[in-house]
C-alpha atoms as a PDB file:
ATOM      1  CA  UNK A   1     -69.919 -84.199  30.218  1.00  0.00           C
ATOM      2  CA  UNK A   2     -67.261 -82.169  31.186  1.00  0.00           C
ATOM      3  CA  UNK A   3     -66.016 -78.884  29.681  1.00  0.00           C
ATOM      4  CA  UNK A   4     -62.389 -78.098  29.939  1.00  0.00           C
ATOM      5  CA  UNK A   5     -61.386 -74.331  29.522  1.00  0.00           C
ATOM      6  CA  UNK A   6     -57.853 -73.701  28.818  1.00  0.00           C
ATOM      7  CA  UNK A   7     -56.766 -70.232  29.621  1.00  0.00           C
ATOM      8  CA  UNK A   8     -53.522 -69.329  27.642  1.00  0.00           C
ATOM      9  CA  UNK A   9     -51.025 -67.718  29.848  1.00  0.00           C
ATOM     10  CA  UNK A  10     -49.688 -64.485  28.177  1.00  0.00           C
ATOM     11  CA  UNK A  11     -45.922 -64.436  27.877  1.00  0.00           C
ATOM     12  CA  UNK A  12     -44.031 -61.153  27.920  1.00  0.00           C
ATOM     13  CA  UNK A  13     -41.768 -60.969  25.059  1.00  0.00           C
ATOM     14  CA  UNK A  14     -38.185 -60.589  25.993  1.00  0.00           C
ATOM     15  CA  UNK A  15     -36.598 -57.175  25.977  1.00  0.00           C
ATOM     16  CA  UNK A  16     -33.954 -56.339  23.318  1.00  0.00           C
ATOM     17  CA  UNK A  17     -30.401 -56.356  24.787  1.00  0.00           C
ATOM     18  CA  UNK A  18     -28.811 -52.979  24.943  1.00  0.00           C
ATOM     19  CA  UNK A  19     -25.504 -54.172  25.073  1.00  0.00           C
ATOM     20  CA  UNK A  20     -25.603 -56.015  21.774  1.00  0.00           C
ATOM     21  CA  UNK A  21     -22.621 -55.697  19.170  1.00  0.00           C
ATOM     22  CA  UNK A  22     -24.599 -52.822  17.220  1.00  0.00           C
ATOM     23  CA  UNK A  23     -24.464 -50.535  20.368  1.00  0.00           C
ATOM     24  CA  UNK A  24     -20.823 -51.359  21.032  1.00  0.00           C
ATOM     25  CA  UNK A  25     -19.891 -50.641  17.435  1.00  0.00           C
ATOM     26  CA  UNK A  26     -21.796 -47.232  17.483  1.00  0.00           C
ATOM     27  CA  UNK A  27     -20.017 -46.137  20.855  1.00  0.00           C
ATOM     28  CA  UNK A  28     -16.616 -47.098  19.314  1.00  0.00           C
ATOM     29  CA  UNK A  29     -17.130 -44.952  16.354  1.00  0.00           C
ATOM     30  CA  UNK A  30     -18.276 -42.062  18.547  1.00  0.00           C
ATOM     31  CA  UNK A  31     -14.990 -42.358  20.601  1.00  0.00           C
ATOM     32  CA  UNK A  32     -12.954 -42.630  17.655  1.00  0.00           C
ATOM     33  CA  UNK A  33     -14.559 -39.269  16.277  1.00  0.00           C
ATOM     34  CA  UNK A  34     -14.192 -37.368  19.500  1.00  0.00           C
ATOM     35  CA  UNK A  35     -10.534 -38.372  19.505  1.00  0.00           C
ATOM     36  CA  UNK A  36     -10.059 -37.224  16.035  1.00  0.00           C
ATOM     37  CA  UNK A  37     -11.757 -33.980  16.614  1.00  0.00           C
ATOM     38  CA  UNK A  38      -9.715 -33.431  19.558  1.00  0.00           C
ATOM     39  CA  UNK A  39      -6.536 -34.217  17.715  1.00  0.00           C
ATOM     40  CA  UNK A  40      -7.511 -31.684  14.914  1.00  0.00           C
ATOM     41  CA  UNK A  41      -8.229 -29.151  17.539  1.00  0.00           C
ATOM     42  CA  UNK A  42      -4.782 -29.433  18.951  1.00  0.00           C
ATOM     43  CA  UNK A  43      -3.173 -29.322  15.602  1.00  0.00           C
ATOM     44  CA  UNK A  44      -5.085 -26.174  14.735  1.00  0.00           C
ATOM     45  CA  UNK A  45      -4.141 -24.487  18.061  1.00  0.00           C
ATOM     46  CA  UNK A  46      -0.426 -25.234  17.428  1.00  0.00           C
ATOM     47  CA  UNK A  47      -0.385 -24.214  13.963  1.00  0.00           C
ATOM     48  CA  UNK A  48      -2.094 -20.807  14.592  1.00  0.00           C
ATOM     49  CA  UNK A  49      -1.079 -20.173  18.215  1.00  0.00           C
ATOM     50  CA  UNK A  50       0.458 -17.006  17.401  1.00  0.00           C
ATOM     51  CA  UNK A  51      -2.687 -15.568  15.856  1.00  0.00           C
ATOM     52  CA  UNK A  52      -5.237 -17.190  18.461  1.00  0.00           C
ATOM     53  CA  UNK A  53      -7.645 -14.387  19.406  1.00  0.00           C
ATOM     54  CA  UNK A  54      -6.133 -11.827  17.138  1.00  0.00           C
ATOM     55  CA  UNK A  55      -8.161 -10.608  13.920  1.00  0.00           C
ATOM     56  CA  UNK A  56      -6.177  -9.288  11.157  1.00  0.00           C
ATOM     57  CA  UNK A  57      -7.984  -6.564   9.252  1.00  0.00           C
ATOM     58  CA  UNK A  58      -6.426  -5.386   5.719  1.00  0.00           C
ATOM     59  CA  UNK A  59      -6.638  -1.701   4.644  1.00  0.00           C
ATOM     60  CA  UNK A  60      -4.866  -1.890   1.399  1.00  0.00           C
ATOM     61  CA  UNK A  61      -5.132   0.329  -1.594  1.00  0.00           C
ATOM     62  CA  UNK A  62      -6.170   4.042  -1.988  1.00  0.00           C
ATOM     63  CA  UNK A  63      -9.192   4.888   0.438  1.00  0.00           C
ATOM     64  CA  UNK A  64     -12.633   5.570  -0.844  1.00  0.00           C
ATOM     65  CA  UNK A  65     -15.885   5.800   0.678  1.00  0.00           C
ATOM     66  CA  UNK A  66     -18.312   2.996  -0.115  1.00  0.00           C
ATOM     67  CA  UNK A  67     -18.400  -0.603  -0.592  1.00  0.00           C
ATOM     68  CA  UNK A  68     -15.147  -0.807  -2.647  1.00  0.00           C
ATOM     69  CA  UNK A  69     -12.579  -3.726  -2.696  1.00  0.00           C
ATOM     70  CA  UNK A  70     -10.238  -4.280  -5.541  1.00  0.00           C
ATOM     71  CA  UNK A  71      -6.409  -4.299  -6.531  1.00  0.00           C
ATOM     72  CA  UNK A  72      -6.227  -0.573  -6.289  1.00  0.00           C
ATOM     73  CA  UNK A  73      -8.866   0.677  -3.819  1.00  0.00           C
ATOM     74  CA  UNK A  74     -10.356  -0.124  -0.608  1.00  0.00           C
ATOM     75  CA  UNK A  75     -13.540   1.269   0.630  1.00  0.00           C
ATOM     76  CA  UNK A  76     -14.500   2.648   3.998  1.00  0.00           C
ATOM     77  CA  UNK A  77     -17.462   0.345   4.527  1.00  0.00           C
ATOM     78  CA  UNK A  78     -15.524  -2.702   3.838  1.00  0.00           C
ATOM     79  CA  UNK A  79     -12.745  -1.716   6.487  1.00  0.00           C
ATOM     80  CA  UNK A  80     -15.327  -0.369   8.834  1.00  0.00           C
ATOM     81  CA  UNK A  81     -17.437  -3.563   8.578  1.00  0.00           C
ATOM     82  CA  UNK A  82     -14.652  -5.801   9.335  1.00  0.00           C
ATOM     83  CA  UNK A  83     -13.496  -3.670  12.362  1.00  0.00           C
ATOM     84  CA  UNK A  84     -16.949  -3.663  13.776  1.00  0.00           C
ATOM     85  CA  UNK A  85     -17.356  -7.415  13.244  1.00  0.00           C
ATOM     86  CA  UNK A  86     -14.217  -8.020  14.784  1.00  0.00           C
ATOM     87  CA  UNK A  87     -14.877  -5.873  17.697  1.00  0.00           C
ATOM     88  CA  UNK A  88     -18.217  -7.524  18.285  1.00  0.00           C
ATOM     89  CA  UNK A  89     -16.819 -11.079  17.874  1.00  0.00           C
ATOM     90  CA  UNK A  90     -16.349 -12.792  21.454  1.00  0.00           C
ATOM     91  CA  UNK A  91     -13.621 -15.120  20.089  1.00  0.00           C
ATOM     92  CA  UNK A  92     -11.610 -12.187  19.124  1.00  0.00           C
ATOM     93  CA  UNK A  93      -9.332 -10.473  21.877  1.00  0.00           C
ATOM     94  CA  UNK A  94      -7.568  -7.923  20.057  1.00  0.00           C
ATOM     95  CA  UNK A  95      -7.565  -6.392  16.475  1.00  0.00           C
ATOM     96  CA  UNK A  96      -4.394  -5.615  14.006  1.00  0.00           C
ATOM     97  CA  UNK A  97      -5.240  -3.277  11.061  1.00  0.00           C
ATOM     98  CA  UNK A  98      -2.715  -4.164   8.353  1.00  0.00           C
ATOM     99  CA  UNK A  99      -2.182  -0.921   6.431  1.00  0.00           C
ATOM    100  CA  UNK A 100      -0.561  -0.606   2.857  1.00  0.00           C
ATOM    101  CA  UNK A 101      -2.203   2.356   1.491  1.00  0.00           C
ATOM    102  CA  UNK A 102      -0.882   5.845   0.048  1.00  0.00           C
ATOM    103  CA  UNK A 103      -3.970   7.475   1.544  1.00  0.00           C
ATOM    104  CA  UNK A 104      -6.952   8.755  -0.516  1.00  0.00           C
ATOM    105  CA  UNK A 105     -10.126  10.455   0.482  1.00  0.00           C
ATOM    106  CA  UNK A 106     -10.305  12.238   3.639  1.00  0.00           C
ATOM    107  CA  UNK A 107     -13.942  11.406   4.080  1.00  0.00           C
ATOM    108  CA  UNK A 108     -13.108   7.766   3.741  1.00  0.00           C
ATOM    109  CA  UNK A 109     -10.425   8.024   6.456  1.00  0.00           C
ATOM    110  CA  UNK A 110     -13.016   9.848   8.702  1.00  0.00           C
ATOM    111  CA  UNK A 111     -15.650   7.029   8.362  1.00  0.00           C
ATOM    112  CA  UNK A 112     -13.032   4.449   9.011  1.00  0.00           C
ATOM    113  CA  UNK A 113     -11.828   6.332  12.139  1.00  0.00           C
ATOM    114  CA  UNK A 114     -15.386   6.196  13.474  1.00  0.00           C
ATOM    115  CA  UNK A 115     -15.588   2.444  13.260  1.00  0.00           C
ATOM    116  CA  UNK A 116     -12.070   2.128  14.576  1.00  0.00           C
ATOM    117  CA  UNK A 117     -12.983   4.172  17.604  1.00  0.00           C
ATOM    118  CA  UNK A 118     -15.972   1.949  18.108  1.00  0.00           C
ATOM    119  CA  UNK A 119     -13.649  -1.104  18.028  1.00  0.00           C
ATOM    120  CA  UNK A 120     -11.298   0.436  20.726  1.00  0.00           C
ATOM    121  CA  UNK A 121     -14.323   0.438  23.247  1.00  0.00           C
ATOM    122  CA  UNK A 122     -14.311  -3.208  23.022  1.00  0.00           C
ATOM    123  CA  UNK A 123     -10.665  -4.413  22.396  1.00  0.00           C
ATOM    124  CA  UNK A 124      -7.104  -3.094  21.743  1.00  0.00           C
ATOM    125  CA  UNK A 125      -6.574  -2.017  17.904  1.00  0.00           C
ATOM    126  CA  UNK A 126      -2.921  -2.073  16.725  1.00  0.00           C
ATOM    127  CA  UNK A 127      -1.682  -0.946  13.353  1.00  0.00           C
ATOM    128  CA  UNK A 128       1.086  -2.821  11.294  1.00  0.00           C
ATOM    129  CA  UNK A 129       2.355  -0.765   8.557  1.00  0.00           C
ATOM    130  CA  UNK A 130       3.574  -2.378   5.314  1.00  0.00           C
ATOM    131  CA  UNK A 131       4.996  -0.625   2.361  1.00  0.00           C
ATOM    132  CA  UNK A 132       3.150   2.539   3.178  1.00  0.00           C
ATOM    133  CA  UNK A 133       0.848   4.243   5.228  1.00  0.00           C
ATOM    134  CA  UNK A 134       0.780   7.929   4.189  1.00  0.00           C
ATOM    135  CA  UNK A 135      -1.583  10.914   4.243  1.00  0.00           C
ATOM    136  CA  UNK A 136      -5.255   9.540   4.960  1.00  0.00           C
ATOM    137  CA  UNK A 137      -3.837   6.086   5.827  1.00  0.00           C
ATOM    138  CA  UNK A 138      -1.811   7.764   8.451  1.00  0.00           C
ATOM    139  CA  UNK A 139      -4.897   9.725   9.468  1.00  0.00           C
ATOM    140  CA  UNK A 140      -6.524   6.265  10.287  1.00  0.00           C
ATOM    141  CA  UNK A 141      -3.367   4.822  11.773  1.00  0.00           C
ATOM    142  CA  UNK A 142      -2.946   7.644  14.446  1.00  0.00           C
ATOM    143  CA  UNK A 143      -5.973   6.475  16.070  1.00  0.00           C
ATOM    144  CA  UNK A 144      -4.688   3.065  16.870  1.00  0.00           C
ATOM    145  CA  UNK A 145      -3.470   1.994  20.377  1.00  0.00           C
ATOM    146  CA  UNK A 146      -0.078   1.207  19.050  1.00  0.00           C
ATOM    147  CA  UNK A 147       1.690   1.485  15.599  1.00  0.00           C
ATOM    148  CA  UNK A 148       4.221  -0.835  14.399  1.00  0.00           C
ATOM    149  CA  UNK A 149       6.257  -0.242  11.067  1.00  0.00           C
ATOM    150  CA  UNK A 150       9.159  -1.578   9.299  1.00  0.00           C
ATOM    151  CA  UNK A 151      12.426   0.292   9.016  1.00  0.00           C
ATOM    152  CA  UNK A 152      11.585   1.214   5.443  1.00  0.00           C
ATOM    153  CA  UNK A 153       7.820   1.694   5.617  1.00  0.00           C
ATOM    154  CA  UNK A 154       6.894   5.057   4.243  1.00  0.00           C
ATOM    155  CA  UNK A 155       4.688   7.066   6.386  1.00  0.00           C
ATOM    156  CA  UNK A 156       3.620  10.412   7.277  1.00  0.00           C
ATOM    157  CA  UNK A 157       2.687  12.645   4.275  1.00  0.00           C
ATOM    158  CA  UNK A 158       0.498  14.655   6.380  1.00  0.00           C
ATOM    159  CA  UNK A 159      -1.274  17.114   4.243  1.00  0.00           C
ATOM    160  CA  UNK A 160      -4.040  17.859   1.846  1.00  0.00           C
ATOM    161  CA  UNK A 161      -3.629  18.062  -2.064  1.00  0.00           C
ATOM    162  CA  UNK A 162      -6.124  19.110  -4.696  1.00  0.00           C
ATOM    163  CA  UNK A 163      -5.066  18.961  -8.362  1.00  0.00           C
ATOM    164  CA  UNK A 164      -6.236  20.888 -11.212  1.00  0.00           C
ATOM    165  CA  UNK A 165      -5.604  20.172 -14.799  1.00  0.00           C
ATOM    166  CA  UNK A 166      -5.623  22.880 -17.622  1.00  0.00           C
ATOM    167  CA  UNK A 167      -5.667  21.523 -21.196  1.00  0.00           C
ATOM    168  CA  UNK A 168      -7.099  24.969 -22.770  1.00  0.00           C
ATOM    169  CA  UNK A 169      -3.728  25.623 -24.782  1.00  0.00           C
ATOM    170  CA  UNK A 170      -3.976  22.290 -26.442  1.00  0.00           C
ATOM    171  CA  UNK A 171      -7.763  22.640 -27.285  1.00  0.00           C
ATOM    172  CA  UNK A 172      -7.137  26.057 -28.890  1.00  0.00           C
ATOM    173  CA  UNK A 173      -4.379  24.512 -30.900  1.00  0.00           C
ATOM    174  CA  UNK A 174      -6.603  21.728 -31.972  1.00  0.00           C
ATOM    175  CA  UNK A 175      -9.524  23.809 -32.656  1.00  0.00           C
ATOM    176  CA  UNK A 176     -11.590  22.253 -29.807  1.00  0.00           C
ATOM    177  CA  UNK A 177     -14.168  24.520 -28.236  1.00  0.00           C
ATOM    178  CA  UNK A 178     -16.146  24.044 -25.171  1.00  0.00           C
ATOM    179  CA  UNK A 179     -19.399  26.165 -24.269  1.00  0.00           C
ATOM    180  CA  UNK A 180     -20.204  26.249 -20.725  1.00  0.00           C
ATOM    181  CA  UNK A 181     -23.623  27.307 -19.477  1.00  0.00           C
ATOM    182  CA  UNK A 182     -23.707  27.474 -15.717  1.00  0.00           C
ATOM    183  CA  UNK A 183     -25.731  28.856 -12.773  1.00  0.00           C
ATOM    184  CA  UNK A 184     -22.796  30.371 -10.834  1.00  0.00           C
ATOM    185  CA  UNK A 185     -19.481  31.736 -11.384  1.00  0.00           C
ATOM    186  CA  UNK A 186     -17.771  28.992  -9.876  1.00  0.00           C
ATOM    187  CA  UNK A 187     -19.818  26.064 -10.818  1.00  0.00           C
ATOM    188  CA  UNK A 188     -17.312  24.804 -13.401  1.00  0.00           C
ATOM    189  CA  UNK A 189     -14.398  25.268 -11.247  1.00  0.00           C
ATOM    190  CA  UNK A 190     -11.910  22.655 -11.840  1.00  0.00           C
ATOM    191  CA  UNK A 191     -12.973  22.086 -15.552  1.00  0.00           C
ATOM    192  CA  UNK A 192      -9.814  21.282 -17.563  1.00  0.00           C
ATOM    193  CA  UNK A 193     -11.221  23.485 -20.423  1.00  0.00           C
ATOM    194  CA  UNK A 194      -9.901  26.693 -18.466  1.00  0.00           C
ATOM    195  CA  UNK A 195      -7.319  27.439 -15.852  1.00  0.00           C
ATOM    196  CA  UNK A 196      -8.359  28.674 -12.516  1.00  0.00           C
ATOM    197  CA  UNK A 197      -9.244  32.175 -12.065  1.00  0.00           C
ATOM    198  CA  UNK A 198      -7.863  34.108  -8.909  1.00  0.00           C
ATOM    199  CA  UNK A 199     -11.265  33.871  -6.963  1.00  0.00           C
ATOM    200  CA  UNK A 200     -11.283  29.903  -7.825  1.00  0.00           C
ATOM    201  CA  UNK A 201      -7.592  29.459  -6.729  1.00  0.00           C
ATOM    202  CA  UNK A 202      -8.152  31.350  -3.413  1.00  0.00           C
ATOM    203  CA  UNK A 203     -11.210  29.342  -2.674  1.00  0.00           C
ATOM    204  CA  UNK A 204      -9.450  26.054  -3.314  1.00  0.00           C
ATOM    205  CA  UNK A 205      -6.605  27.132  -1.009  1.00  0.00           C
ATOM    206  CA  UNK A 206      -9.276  27.981   1.611  1.00  0.00           C
ATOM    207  CA  UNK A 207     -10.814  24.482   1.196  1.00  0.00           C
ATOM    208  CA  UNK A 208      -7.318  22.771   1.431  1.00  0.00           C
ATOM    209  CA  UNK A 209      -6.184  24.756   4.403  1.00  0.00           C
ATOM    210  CA  UNK A 210      -9.292  23.849   6.484  1.00  0.00           C
ATOM    211  CA  UNK A 211      -9.049  20.187   5.652  1.00  0.00           C
ATOM    212  CA  UNK A 212      -5.502  20.251   6.442  1.00  0.00           C
ATOM    213  CA  UNK A 213      -5.998  22.125   9.780  1.00  0.00           C
ATOM    214  CA  UNK A 214      -8.597  19.410  10.846  1.00  0.00           C
ATOM    215  CA  UNK A 215      -6.180  16.561   9.636  1.00  0.00           C
ATOM    216  CA  UNK A 216      -2.979  17.915  11.642  1.00  0.00           C
ATOM    217  CA  UNK A 217      -4.891  18.893  14.777  1.00  0.00           C
ATOM    218  CA  UNK A 218      -6.465  15.474  14.885  1.00  0.00           C
ATOM    219  CA  UNK A 219      -3.066  13.800  14.336  1.00  0.00           C
ATOM    220  CA  UNK A 220      -1.159  16.018  17.068  1.00  0.00           C
ATOM    221  CA  UNK A 221      -4.191  15.300  19.508  1.00  0.00           C
ATOM    222  CA  UNK A 222      -3.842  11.622  18.955  1.00  0.00           C
ATOM    223  CA  UNK A 223       0.004  11.382  19.370  1.00  0.00           C
ATOM    224  CA  UNK A 224       2.753  13.484  20.844  1.00  0.00           C
ATOM    225  CA  UNK A 225       3.941  14.845  17.644  1.00  0.00           C
ATOM    226  CA  UNK A 226       5.496  18.292  17.242  1.00  0.00           C
ATOM    227  CA  UNK A 227       3.472  19.989  14.598  1.00  0.00           C
ATOM    228  CA  UNK A 228       6.793  21.736  12.979  1.00  0.00           C
ATOM    229  CA  UNK A 229       8.034  17.945  12.357  1.00  0.00           C
ATOM    230  CA  UNK A 230       5.285  17.136   9.968  1.00  0.00           C
ATOM    231  CA  UNK A 231       3.457  20.165   8.635  1.00  0.00           C
ATOM    232  CA  UNK A 232       5.482  20.367   5.399  1.00  0.00           C
ATOM    233  CA  UNK A 233       3.802  17.144   4.114  1.00  0.00           C
ATOM    234  CA  UNK A 234       7.103  15.127   3.936  1.00  0.00           C
ATOM    235  CA  UNK A 235       7.102  11.135   3.915  1.00  0.00           C
ATOM    236  CA  UNK A 236       9.305   9.549   6.408  1.00  0.00           C
ATOM    237  CA  UNK A 237      11.082   5.987   6.814  1.00  0.00           C
ATOM    238  CA  UNK A 238       9.930   3.908   9.477  1.00  0.00           C
ATOM    239  CA  UNK A 239      13.038   4.252  11.278  1.00  0.00           C
ATOM    240  CA  UNK A 240      12.968   8.142  11.283  1.00  0.00           C
ATOM    241  CA  UNK A 241       9.241   8.110  11.814  1.00  0.00           C
ATOM    242  CA  UNK A 242       9.977   6.189  15.319  1.00  0.00           C
ATOM    243  CA  UNK A 243      12.189   9.167  16.196  1.00  0.00           C
ATOM    244  CA  UNK A 244       9.497  11.806  16.078  1.00  0.00           C
ATOM    245  CA  UNK A 245       6.644   9.394  17.412  1.00  0.00           C
ATOM    246  CA  UNK A 246       4.807   8.832  14.250  1.00  0.00           C
ATOM    247  CA  UNK A 247       5.055   5.272  15.056  1.00  0.00           C
ATOM    248  CA  UNK A 248       5.626   3.374  18.512  1.00  0.00           C
ATOM    249  CA  UNK A 249       7.661   0.422  17.459  1.00  0.00           C
ATOM    250  CA  UNK A 250       9.650  -1.208  14.574  1.00  0.00           C
ATOM    251  CA  UNK A 251       8.453  -4.544  13.642  1.00  0.00           C
ATOM    252  CA  UNK A 252       6.559  -6.796  11.147  1.00  0.00           C
ATOM    253  CA  UNK A 253       2.952  -8.118  11.115  1.00  0.00           C
ATOM    254  CA  UNK A 254       3.785 -10.983  13.514  1.00  0.00           C
ATOM    255  CA  UNK A 255       5.349  -8.323  15.837  1.00  0.00           C
ATOM    256  CA  UNK A 256       2.167  -6.376  15.726  1.00  0.00           C
ATOM    257  CA  UNK A 257       0.287  -9.552  16.385  1.00  0.00           C
ATOM    258  CA  UNK A 258       2.311 -10.249  19.506  1.00  0.00           C
ATOM    259  CA  UNK A 259       2.017  -6.577  20.717  1.00  0.00           C
ATOM    260  CA  UNK A 260      -1.760  -6.793  20.244  1.00  0.00           C
ATOM    261  CA  UNK A 261      -2.088  -9.848  22.481  1.00  0.00           C
ATOM    262  CA  UNK A 262      -0.190  -8.154  24.967  1.00  0.00           C
ATOM    263  CA  UNK A 263      -2.329  -5.390  25.209  1.00  0.00           C
ATOM    264  CA  UNK A 264      -5.347  -7.812  25.437  1.00  0.00           C
ATOM    265  CA  UNK A 265      -3.804  -9.512  28.437  1.00  0.00           C
ATOM    266  CA  UNK A 266      -3.026  -6.351  29.878  1.00  0.00           C
ATOM    267  CA  UNK A 267      -6.729  -5.426  29.829  1.00  0.00           C
ATOM    268  CA  UNK A 268      -7.790  -8.687  31.812  1.00  0.00           C
END
């Protein structure tokens, strides 16, 4: 009796082909996507070529300290943060600060100046003036590397003002009485219920004078401007501002962007 033992030979299953139609289709789709992305990149570059590498930061409205941004006011924290972000952005080569402001708080201007000076350590900062860049708005602008203005932009207005209202006559006529309890003689200084005393007026003038001296000294330090040309607080047209070195060049926002790009290129 013979016993036959059959040993089945194991067969290695065939490897799936990597060159099948599925793989070819995926590669085709990837190539098309890369081509589309490339074309879009070229289109974006061409359409924004004039602003490539330049960040426009807008300072529009009355200057206030804090995180404020509406149709009438702009806060120092808003402008300052945008300036610092642009300065730290490796894709930004230069910054244009677009100014359209009548001024506002000197403290707000000083806060923005601190952030503008930080930005200048990283890349050029150019100001483009719109309708108006006066008082505290010029205080900020004077710290830029270059200032552009339109021929009819209003600028200058170098000065400090503190306004007090007095409705005490109307209150007496209407029989409206106010009783004030205060800890010091000047604690209610500025109250509309009475006019300023001589002492209060002298003190107010002292505060205004000190603030003004800091303002005008800073401006004349930043730019070669004769104090006698600006100390009366007048406002200048852009074309006249150019003559006394309040601004560097006449031009619009696009001109300022081109100028910022040139300054950036000169740094490299």
